[in-house]
Amino acid sequence: MQRMVTHPEPIVPCSKGHAARHMHDLRRASAGGGHGIECACSHTARHEDFERALAEWEQMHRKPVAKRQRAAPRQVFPPMPQLQLSL
């Protein structure tokens, strides 16, 4: 028997934007039961606890991280005014 579990904060949607839902299969683990997260296009494997299923889901559907641009080198000393000295 499966049941859908609701959470106070929503689960991150999949990379295609489908809403994710937490499913708990009440059969024992050796019979294919456990916690899983699914949407219209993908699903995780069954896990003994929800945290592992959520970690797999986030790894599958994390947004690609943009490469950070290298920061410009910091100036150690502020620009000093040049004095016009002559002899």
PDB file of N, CA and C in Angstrom:
ATOM      1  N   MET A   1       0.840  -1.173   0.000  1.00  0.00           N
ATOM      2  CA  MET A   1       0.000   0.000   0.000  1.00  0.00           C
ATOM      3  C   MET A   1       0.894   1.248   0.000  1.00  0.00           C
ATOM      4  N   GLN A   2       0.528   2.225  -0.784  1.00  0.00           N
ATOM      5  CA  GLN A   2       1.285   3.473  -0.850  1.00  0.00           C
ATOM      6  C   GLN A   2       0.424   4.607  -0.328  1.00  0.00           C
ATOM      7  N   ARG A   3       1.089   5.587   0.243  1.00  0.00           N
ATOM      8  CA  ARG A   3       0.375   6.799   0.633  1.00  0.00           C
ATOM      9  C   ARG A   3       1.251   8.000   0.339  1.00  0.00           C
ATOM     10  N   MET A   4       0.607   9.113   0.042  1.00  0.00           N
ATOM     11  CA  MET A   4       1.337  10.339  -0.235  1.00  0.00           C
ATOM     12  C   MET A   4       1.473  11.113   1.061  1.00  0.00           C
ATOM     13  N   VAL A   5       2.675  11.585   1.345  1.00  0.00           N
ATOM     14  CA  VAL A   5       2.963  12.315   2.571  1.00  0.00           C
ATOM     15  C   VAL A   5       3.095  13.789   2.229  1.00  0.00           C
ATOM     16  N   THR A   6       2.414  14.646   2.990  1.00  0.00           N
ATOM     17  CA  THR A   6       2.527  16.086   2.762  1.00  0.00           C
ATOM     18  C   THR A   6       3.531  16.672   3.747  1.00  0.00           C
ATOM     19  N   HIS A   7       4.194  17.733   3.328  1.00  0.00           N
ATOM     20  CA  HIS A   7       5.212  18.393   4.138  1.00  0.00           C
ATOM     21  C   HIS A   7       4.861  19.866   4.263  1.00  0.00           C
ATOM     22  N   PRO A   8       5.274  20.517   5.374  1.00  0.00           N
ATOM     23  CA  PRO A   8       4.974  21.949   5.526  1.00  0.00           C
ATOM     24  C   PRO A   8       5.617  22.790   4.423  1.00  0.00           C
ATOM     25  N   GLU A   9       6.857  22.472   4.042  1.00  0.00           N
ATOM     26  CA  GLU A   9       7.497  23.186   2.937  1.00  0.00           C
ATOM     27  C   GLU A   9       7.506  22.258   1.728  1.00  0.00           C
ATOM     28  N   PRO A  10       7.244  22.791   0.552  1.00  0.00           N
ATOM     29  CA  PRO A  10       7.174  21.934  -0.639  1.00  0.00           C
ATOM     30  C   PRO A  10       8.547  21.386  -1.031  1.00  0.00           C
ATOM     31  N   ILE A  11       8.526  20.245  -1.693  1.00  0.00           N
ATOM     32  CA  ILE A  11       9.746  19.635  -2.209  1.00  0.00           C
ATOM     33  C   ILE A  11      10.140  20.366  -3.489  1.00  0.00           C
ATOM     34  N   VAL A  12      11.408  20.487  -3.720  1.00  0.00           N
ATOM     35  CA  VAL A  12      11.920  21.171  -4.914  1.00  0.00           C
ATOM     36  C   VAL A  12      11.332  20.508  -6.166  1.00  0.00           C
ATOM     37  N   PRO A  13      10.763  21.286  -7.101  1.00  0.00           N
ATOM     38  CA  PRO A  13      10.243  20.668  -8.321  1.00  0.00           C
ATOM     39  C   PRO A  13      11.367  20.098  -9.176  1.00  0.00           C
ATOM     40  N   CYS A  14      10.999  19.238 -10.135  1.00  0.00           N
ATOM     41  CA  CYS A  14      12.017  18.638 -10.997  1.00  0.00           C
ATOM     42  C   CYS A  14      12.564  19.681 -11.963  1.00  0.00           C
ATOM     43  N   SER A  15      13.578  19.305 -12.709  1.00  0.00           N
ATOM     44  CA  SER A  15      14.223  20.249 -13.621  1.00  0.00           C
ATOM     45  C   SER A  15      13.303  20.703 -14.750  1.00  0.00           C
ATOM     46  N   LYS A  16      12.225  19.959 -15.003  1.00  0.00           N
ATOM     47  CA  LYS A  16      11.252  20.361 -16.020  1.00  0.00           C
ATOM     48  C   LYS A  16      10.096  21.158 -15.420  1.00  0.00           C
ATOM     49  N   GLY A  17      10.107  21.348 -14.095  1.00  0.00           N
ATOM     50  CA  GLY A  17       9.095  22.171 -13.436  1.00  0.00           C
ATOM     51  C   GLY A  17       7.908  21.415 -12.870  1.00  0.00           C
ATOM     52  N   HIS A  18       7.901  20.085 -12.968  1.00  0.00           N
ATOM     53  CA  HIS A  18       6.785  19.317 -12.416  1.00  0.00           C
ATOM     54  C   HIS A  18       6.834  19.314 -10.889  1.00  0.00           C
ATOM     55  N   ALA A  19       5.671  19.332 -10.264  1.00  0.00           N
ATOM     56  CA  ALA A  19       5.598  19.273  -8.805  1.00  0.00           C
ATOM     57  C   ALA A  19       6.011  17.884  -8.336  1.00  0.00           C
ATOM     58  N   ALA A  20       6.789  17.837  -7.264  1.00  0.00           N
ATOM     59  CA  ALA A  20       7.267  16.569  -6.714  1.00  0.00           C
ATOM     60  C   ALA A  20       6.378  16.160  -5.544  1.00  0.00           C
ATOM     61  N   ARG A  21       6.247  14.862  -5.341  1.00  0.00           N
ATOM     62  CA  ARG A  21       5.470  14.369  -4.204  1.00  0.00           C
ATOM     63  C   ARG A  21       6.217  13.235  -3.519  1.00  0.00           C
ATOM     64  N   HIS A  22       6.064  13.188  -2.221  1.00  0.00           N
ATOM     65  CA  HIS A  22       6.713  12.180  -1.388  1.00  0.00           C
ATOM     66  C   HIS A  22       5.752  11.006  -1.252  1.00  0.00           C
ATOM     67  N   MET A  23       6.201   9.831  -1.713  1.00  0.00           N
ATOM     68  CA  MET A  23       5.397   8.620  -1.617  1.00  0.00           C
ATOM     69  C   MET A  23       6.051   7.675  -0.622  1.00  0.00           C
ATOM     70  N   HIS A  24       5.217   7.107   0.258  1.00  0.00           N
ATOM     71  CA  HIS A  24       5.716   6.138   1.231  1.00  0.00           C
ATOM     72  C   HIS A  24       5.027   4.814   0.962  1.00  0.00           C
ATOM     73  N   ASP A  25       5.812   3.835   0.511  1.00  0.00           N
ATOM     74  CA  ASP A  25       5.306   2.485   0.271  1.00  0.00           C
ATOM     75  C   ASP A  25       5.436   1.728   1.581  1.00  0.00           C
ATOM     76  N   LEU A  26       4.330   1.264   2.122  1.00  0.00           N
ATOM     77  CA  LEU A  26       4.316   0.673   3.454  1.00  0.00           C
ATOM     78  C   LEU A  26       4.814  -0.767   3.504  1.00  0.00           C
ATOM     79  N   ARG A  27       5.146  -1.358   2.357  1.00  0.00           N
ATOM     80  CA  ARG A  27       5.711  -2.703   2.376  1.00  0.00           C
ATOM     81  C   ARG A  27       7.102  -2.655   2.976  1.00  0.00           C
ATOM     82  N   ARG A  28       7.599  -3.801   3.443  1.00  0.00           N
ATOM     83  CA  ARG A  28       8.960  -3.815   3.987  1.00  0.00           C
ATOM     84  C   ARG A  28       9.965  -3.601   2.853  1.00  0.00           C
ATOM     85  N   ALA A  29      11.166  -3.197   3.225  1.00  0.00           N
ATOM     86  CA  ALA A  29      12.185  -2.834   2.232  1.00  0.00           C
ATOM     87  C   ALA A  29      12.517  -3.987   1.295  1.00  0.00           C
ATOM     88  N   SER A  30      12.546  -5.216   1.806  1.00  0.00           N
ATOM     89  CA  SER A  30      12.886  -6.356   0.948  1.00  0.00           C
ATOM     90  C   SER A  30      11.804  -6.641  -0.087  1.00  0.00           C
ATOM     91  N   ALA A  31      10.614  -6.104   0.130  1.00  0.00           N
ATOM     92  CA  ALA A  31       9.515  -6.287  -0.820  1.00  0.00           C
ATOM     93  C   ALA A  31       9.355  -5.081  -1.744  1.00  0.00           C
ATOM     94  N   GLY A  32      10.285  -4.137  -1.679  1.00  0.00           N
ATOM     95  CA  GLY A  32      10.233  -2.974  -2.565  1.00  0.00           C
ATOM     96  C   GLY A  32       9.603  -1.751  -1.929  1.00  0.00           C
ATOM     97  N   GLY A  33       9.446  -1.743  -0.633  1.00  0.00           N
ATOM     98  CA  GLY A  33       8.839  -0.604   0.053  1.00  0.00           C
ATOM     99  C   GLY A  33       9.864   0.442   0.434  1.00  0.00           C
ATOM    100  N   GLY A  34       9.377   1.532   0.997  1.00  0.00           N
ATOM    101  CA  GLY A  34      10.250   2.601   1.459  1.00  0.00           C
ATOM    102  C   GLY A  34       9.760   3.956   0.993  1.00  0.00           C
ATOM    103  N   HIS A  35      10.597   4.956   1.163  1.00  0.00           N
ATOM    104  CA  HIS A  35      10.282   6.335   0.791  1.00  0.00           C
ATOM    105  C   HIS A  35      10.851   6.633  -0.588  1.00  0.00           C
ATOM    106  N   GLY A  36      10.074   7.339  -1.376  1.00  0.00           N
ATOM    107  CA  GLY A  36      10.528   7.760  -2.691  1.00  0.00           C
ATOM    108  C   GLY A  36       9.893   9.092  -3.049  1.00  0.00           C
ATOM    109  N   ILE A  37      10.502   9.801  -3.975  1.00  0.00           N
ATOM    110  CA  ILE A  37       9.960  11.066  -4.465  1.00  0.00           C
ATOM    111  C   ILE A  37       9.754  10.905  -5.951  1.00  0.00           C
ATOM    112  N   GLU A  38       8.617  11.379  -6.434  1.00  0.00           N
ATOM    113  CA  GLU A  38       8.303  11.228  -7.861  1.00  0.00           C
ATOM    114  C   GLU A  38       7.576  12.452  -8.382  1.00  0.00           C
ATOM    115  N   CYS A  39       7.607  12.587  -9.703  1.00  0.00           N
ATOM    116  CA  CYS A  39       6.847  13.614 -10.406  1.00  0.00           C
ATOM    117  C   CYS A  39       6.340  12.974 -11.689  1.00  0.00           C
ATOM    118  N   ALA A  40       5.859  13.778 -12.617  1.00  0.00           N
ATOM    119  CA  ALA A  40       5.303  13.240 -13.853  1.00  0.00           C
ATOM    120  C   ALA A  40       6.357  12.602 -14.743  1.00  0.00           C
ATOM    121  N   CYS A  41       7.629  12.998 -14.611  1.00  0.00           N
ATOM    122  CA  CYS A  41       8.641  12.501 -15.540  1.00  0.00           C
ATOM    123  C   CYS A  41       9.767  11.689 -14.897  1.00  0.00           C
ATOM    124  N   SER A  42       9.887  11.659 -13.577  1.00  0.00           N
ATOM    125  CA  SER A  42      10.992  10.917 -12.969  1.00  0.00           C
ATOM    126  C   SER A  42      10.649  10.494 -11.545  1.00  0.00           C
ATOM    127  N   HIS A  43      11.492   9.623 -11.000  1.00  0.00           N
ATOM    128  CA  HIS A  43      11.299   9.165  -9.623  1.00  0.00           C
ATOM    129  C   HIS A  43      12.628   8.696  -9.065  1.00  0.00           C
ATOM    130  N   THR A  44      12.712   8.639  -7.740  1.00  0.00           N
ATOM    131  CA  THR A  44      13.909   8.131  -7.085  1.00  0.00           C
ATOM    132  C   THR A  44      13.708   6.661  -6.760  1.00  0.00           C
ATOM    133  N   ALA A  45      14.778   6.027  -6.371  1.00  0.00           N
ATOM    134  CA  ALA A  45      14.688   4.660  -5.854  1.00  0.00           C
ATOM    135  C   ALA A  45      14.029   4.718  -4.479  1.00  0.00           C
ATOM    136  N   ARG A  46      13.581   3.588  -3.978  1.00  0.00           N
ATOM    137  CA  ARG A  46      12.990   3.528  -2.640  1.00  0.00           C
ATOM    138  C   ARG A  46      14.116   3.512  -1.602  1.00  0.00           C
ATOM    139  N   HIS A  47      13.941   4.304  -0.564  1.00  0.00           N
ATOM    140  CA  HIS A  47      14.924   4.399   0.511  1.00  0.00           C
ATOM    141  C   HIS A  47      14.240   4.140   1.844  1.00  0.00           C
ATOM    142  N   GLU A  48      15.034   3.728   2.833  1.00  0.00           N
ATOM    143  CA  GLU A  48      14.471   3.455   4.144  1.00  0.00           C
ATOM    144  C   GLU A  48      13.998   4.714   4.846  1.00  0.00           C
ATOM    145  N   ASP A  49      14.638   5.855   4.579  1.00  0.00           N
ATOM    146  CA  ASP A  49      14.186   7.098   5.199  1.00  0.00           C
ATOM    147  C   ASP A  49      14.043   8.196   4.151  1.00  0.00           C
ATOM    148  N   PHE A  50      13.239   9.194   4.507  1.00  0.00           N
ATOM    149  CA  PHE A  50      12.913  10.272   3.580  1.00  0.00           C
ATOM    150  C   PHE A  50      14.134  11.116   3.242  1.00  0.00           C
ATOM    151  N   GLU A  51      15.042  11.325   4.199  1.00  0.00           N
ATOM    152  CA  GLU A  51      16.206  12.189   3.968  1.00  0.00           C
ATOM    153  C   GLU A  51      17.073  11.657   2.824  1.00  0.00           C
ATOM    154  N   ARG A  52      17.247  10.359   2.750  1.00  0.00           N
ATOM    155  CA  ARG A  52      18.043   9.786   1.651  1.00  0.00           C
ATOM    156  C   ARG A  52      17.333   9.964   0.307  1.00  0.00           C
ATOM    157  N   ALA A  53      16.019   9.781   0.300  1.00  0.00           N
ATOM    158  CA  ALA A  53      15.262   9.979  -0.941  1.00  0.00           C
ATOM    159  C   ALA A  53      15.344  11.436  -1.381  1.00  0.00           C
ATOM    160  N   LEU A  54      15.244  12.359  -0.426  1.00  0.00           N
ATOM    161  CA  LEU A  54      15.326  13.780  -0.754  1.00  0.00           C
ATOM    162  C   LEU A  54      16.717  14.144  -1.270  1.00  0.00           C
ATOM    163  N   ALA A  55      17.759  13.577  -0.678  1.00  0.00           N
ATOM    164  CA  ALA A  55      19.122  13.852  -1.143  1.00  0.00           C
ATOM    165  C   ALA A  55      19.304  13.366  -2.581  1.00  0.00           C
ATOM    166  N   GLU A  56      18.771  12.190  -2.910  1.00  0.00           N
ATOM    167  CA  GLU A  56      18.868  11.695  -4.282  1.00  0.00           C
ATOM    168  C   GLU A  56      18.087  12.593  -5.234  1.00  0.00           C
ATOM    169  N   TRP A  57      16.899  13.033  -4.823  1.00  0.00           N
ATOM    170  CA  TRP A  57      16.063  13.906  -5.660  1.00  0.00           C
ATOM    171  C   TRP A  57      16.780  15.218  -5.942  1.00  0.00           C
ATOM    172  N   GLU A  58      17.350  15.824  -4.917  1.00  0.00           N
ATOM    173  CA  GLU A  58      18.039  17.101  -5.107  1.00  0.00           C
ATOM    174  C   GLU A  58      19.273  16.940  -5.984  1.00  0.00           C
ATOM    175  N   GLN A  59      19.953  15.809  -5.878  1.00  0.00           N
ATOM    176  CA  GLN A  59      21.111  15.562  -6.736  1.00  0.00           C
ATOM    177  C   GLN A  59      20.667  15.397  -8.190  1.00  0.00           C
ATOM    178  N   MET A  60      19.538  14.725  -8.411  1.00  0.00           N
ATOM    179  CA  MET A  60      19.038  14.522  -9.776  1.00  0.00           C
ATOM    180  C   MET A  60      18.580  15.827 -10.417  1.00  0.00           C
ATOM    181  N   HIS A  61      17.979  16.710  -9.625  1.00  0.00           N
ATOM    182  CA  HIS A  61      17.314  17.886 -10.187  1.00  0.00           C
ATOM    183  C   HIS A  61      17.886  19.208  -9.710  1.00  0.00           C
ATOM    184  N   ARG A  62      19.135  19.207  -9.270  1.00  0.00           N
ATOM    185  CA  ARG A  62      19.722  20.482  -8.867  1.00  0.00           C
ATOM    186  C   ARG A  62      19.952  21.343 -10.094  1.00  0.00           C
ATOM    187  N   LYS A  63      19.827  22.635  -9.895  1.00  0.00           N
ATOM    188  CA  LYS A  63      20.042  23.565 -11.004  1.00  0.00           C
ATOM    189  C   LYS A  63      21.537  23.683 -11.250  1.00  0.00           C
ATOM    190  N   PRO A  64      21.959  23.784 -12.510  1.00  0.00           N
ATOM    191  CA  PRO A  64      23.388  23.916 -12.782  1.00  0.00           C
ATOM    192  C   PRO A  64      23.928  25.217 -12.185  1.00  0.00           C
ATOM    193  N   VAL A  65      25.064  25.122 -11.582  1.00  0.00           N
ATOM    194  CA  VAL A  65      25.676  26.272 -10.943  1.00  0.00           C
ATOM    195  C   VAL A  65      26.459  27.049 -11.991  1.00  0.00           C
ATOM    196  N   ALA A  66      26.181  28.334 -12.084  1.00  0.00           N
ATOM    197  CA  ALA A  66      26.911  29.172 -13.038  1.00  0.00           C
ATOM    198  C   ALA A  66      28.344  29.347 -12.551  1.00  0.00           C
ATOM    199  N   LYS A  67      29.259  29.341 -13.488  1.00  0.00           N
ATOM    200  CA  LYS A  67      30.656  29.530 -13.118  1.00  0.00           C
ATOM    201  C   LYS A  67      30.861  30.958 -12.650  1.00  0.00           C
ATOM    202  N   ARG A  68      31.549  31.079 -11.531  1.00  0.00           N
ATOM    203  CA  ARG A  68      31.821  32.408 -11.000  1.00  0.00           C
ATOM    204  C   ARG A  68      32.977  33.026 -11.764  1.00  0.00           C
ATOM    205  N   GLN A  69      32.826  34.294 -12.065  1.00  0.00           N
ATOM    206  CA  GLN A  69      33.911  34.985 -12.734  1.00  0.00           C
ATOM    207  C   GLN A  69      34.949  35.378 -11.698  1.00  0.00           C
ATOM    208  N   ARG A  70      36.175  35.328 -12.123  1.00  0.00           N
ATOM    209  CA  ARG A  70      37.263  35.690 -11.220  1.00  0.00           C
ATOM    210  C   ARG A  70      37.160  37.179 -10.899  1.00  0.00           C
ATOM    211  N   ALA A  71      37.265  37.496  -9.636  1.00  0.00           N
ATOM    212  CA  ALA A  71      37.180  38.895  -9.202  1.00  0.00           C
ATOM    213  C   ALA A  71      38.440  39.644  -9.629  1.00  0.00           C
ATOM    214  N   ALA A  72      38.281  40.921  -9.857  1.00  0.00           N
ATOM    215  CA  ALA A  72      39.423  41.746 -10.218  1.00  0.00           C
ATOM    216  C   ALA A  72      40.375  41.805  -9.025  1.00  0.00           C
ATOM    217  N   PRO A  73      41.668  41.862  -9.275  1.00  0.00           N
ATOM    218  CA  PRO A  73      42.612  41.908  -8.156  1.00  0.00           C
ATOM    219  C   PRO A  73      42.385  43.148  -7.290  1.00  0.00           C
ATOM    220  N   ARG A  74      42.472  42.934  -6.002  1.00  0.00           N
ATOM    221  CA  ARG A  74      42.272  44.026  -5.060  1.00  0.00           C
ATOM    222  C   ARG A  74      43.498  44.915  -5.009  1.00  0.00           C
ATOM    223  N   GLN A  75      43.281  46.199  -4.901  1.00  0.00           N
ATOM    224  CA  GLN A  75      44.405  47.111  -4.733  1.00  0.00           C
ATOM    225  C   GLN A  75      44.756  47.162  -3.250  1.00  0.00           C
ATOM    226  N   VAL A  76      46.006  46.921  -2.958  1.00  0.00           N
ATOM    227  CA  VAL A  76      46.425  46.907  -1.565  1.00  0.00           C
ATOM    228  C   VAL A  76      46.510  48.330  -1.030  1.00  0.00           C
ATOM    229  N   PHE A  77      47.071  49.223  -1.831  1.00  0.00           N
ATOM    230  CA  PHE A  77      47.197  50.615  -1.412  1.00  0.00           C
ATOM    231  C   PHE A  77      46.291  51.479  -2.283  1.00  0.00           C
ATOM    232  N   PRO A  78      45.644  52.478  -1.706  1.00  0.00           N
ATOM    233  CA  PRO A  78      44.825  53.373  -2.539  1.00  0.00           C
ATOM    234  C   PRO A  78      45.737  54.216  -3.427  1.00  0.00           C
ATOM    235  N   PRO A  79      45.223  54.706  -4.532  1.00  0.00           N
ATOM    236  CA  PRO A  79      46.065  55.540  -5.404  1.00  0.00           C
ATOM    237  C   PRO A  79      46.544  56.787  -4.656  1.00  0.00           C
ATOM    238  N   MET A  80      47.813  57.059  -4.802  1.00  0.00           N
ATOM    239  CA  MET A  80      48.410  58.196  -4.100  1.00  0.00           C
ATOM    240  C   MET A  80      48.532  59.377  -5.061  1.00  0.00           C
ATOM    241  N   PRO A  81      48.254  60.574  -4.577  1.00  0.00           N
ATOM    242  CA  PRO A  81      48.423  61.746  -5.454  1.00  0.00           C
ATOM    243  C   PRO A  81      49.913  61.999  -5.717  1.00  0.00           C
ATOM    244  N   GLN A  82      50.202  62.375  -6.933  1.00  0.00           N
ATOM    245  CA  GLN A  82      51.576  62.646  -7.325  1.00  0.00           C
ATOM    246  C   GLN A  82      51.864  64.138  -7.121  1.00  0.00           C
ATOM    247  N   LEU A  83      52.893  64.426  -6.393  1.00  0.00           N
ATOM    248  CA  LEU A  83      53.270  65.831  -6.151  1.00  0.00           C
ATOM    249  C   LEU A  83      54.251  66.270  -7.228  1.00  0.00           C
ATOM    250  N   GLN A  84      54.036  67.432  -7.771  1.00  0.00           N
ATOM    251  CA  GLN A  84      54.911  67.978  -8.806  1.00  0.00           C
ATOM    252  C   GLN A  84      56.073  68.741  -8.139  1.00  0.00           C
ATOM    253  N   LEU A  85      57.132  68.058  -7.872  1.00  0.00           N
ATOM    254  CA  LEU A  85      58.296  68.685  -7.247  1.00  0.00           C
ATOM    255  C   LEU A  85      59.364  68.913  -8.309  1.00  0.00           C
ATOM    256  N   SER A  86      59.948  70.059  -8.292  1.00  0.00           N
ATOM    257  CA  SER A  86      61.028  70.337  -9.251  1.00  0.00           C
ATOM    258  C   SER A  86      62.146  71.091  -8.528  1.00  0.00           C
ATOM    259  N   LEU A  87      63.349  70.983  -9.059  1.00  0.00           N
ATOM    260  CA  LEU A  87      64.491  71.664  -8.473  1.00  0.00           C
ATOM    261  C   LEU A  87      64.871  72.889  -9.228  1.00  0.00           C
TER     262      LEU A  87
END
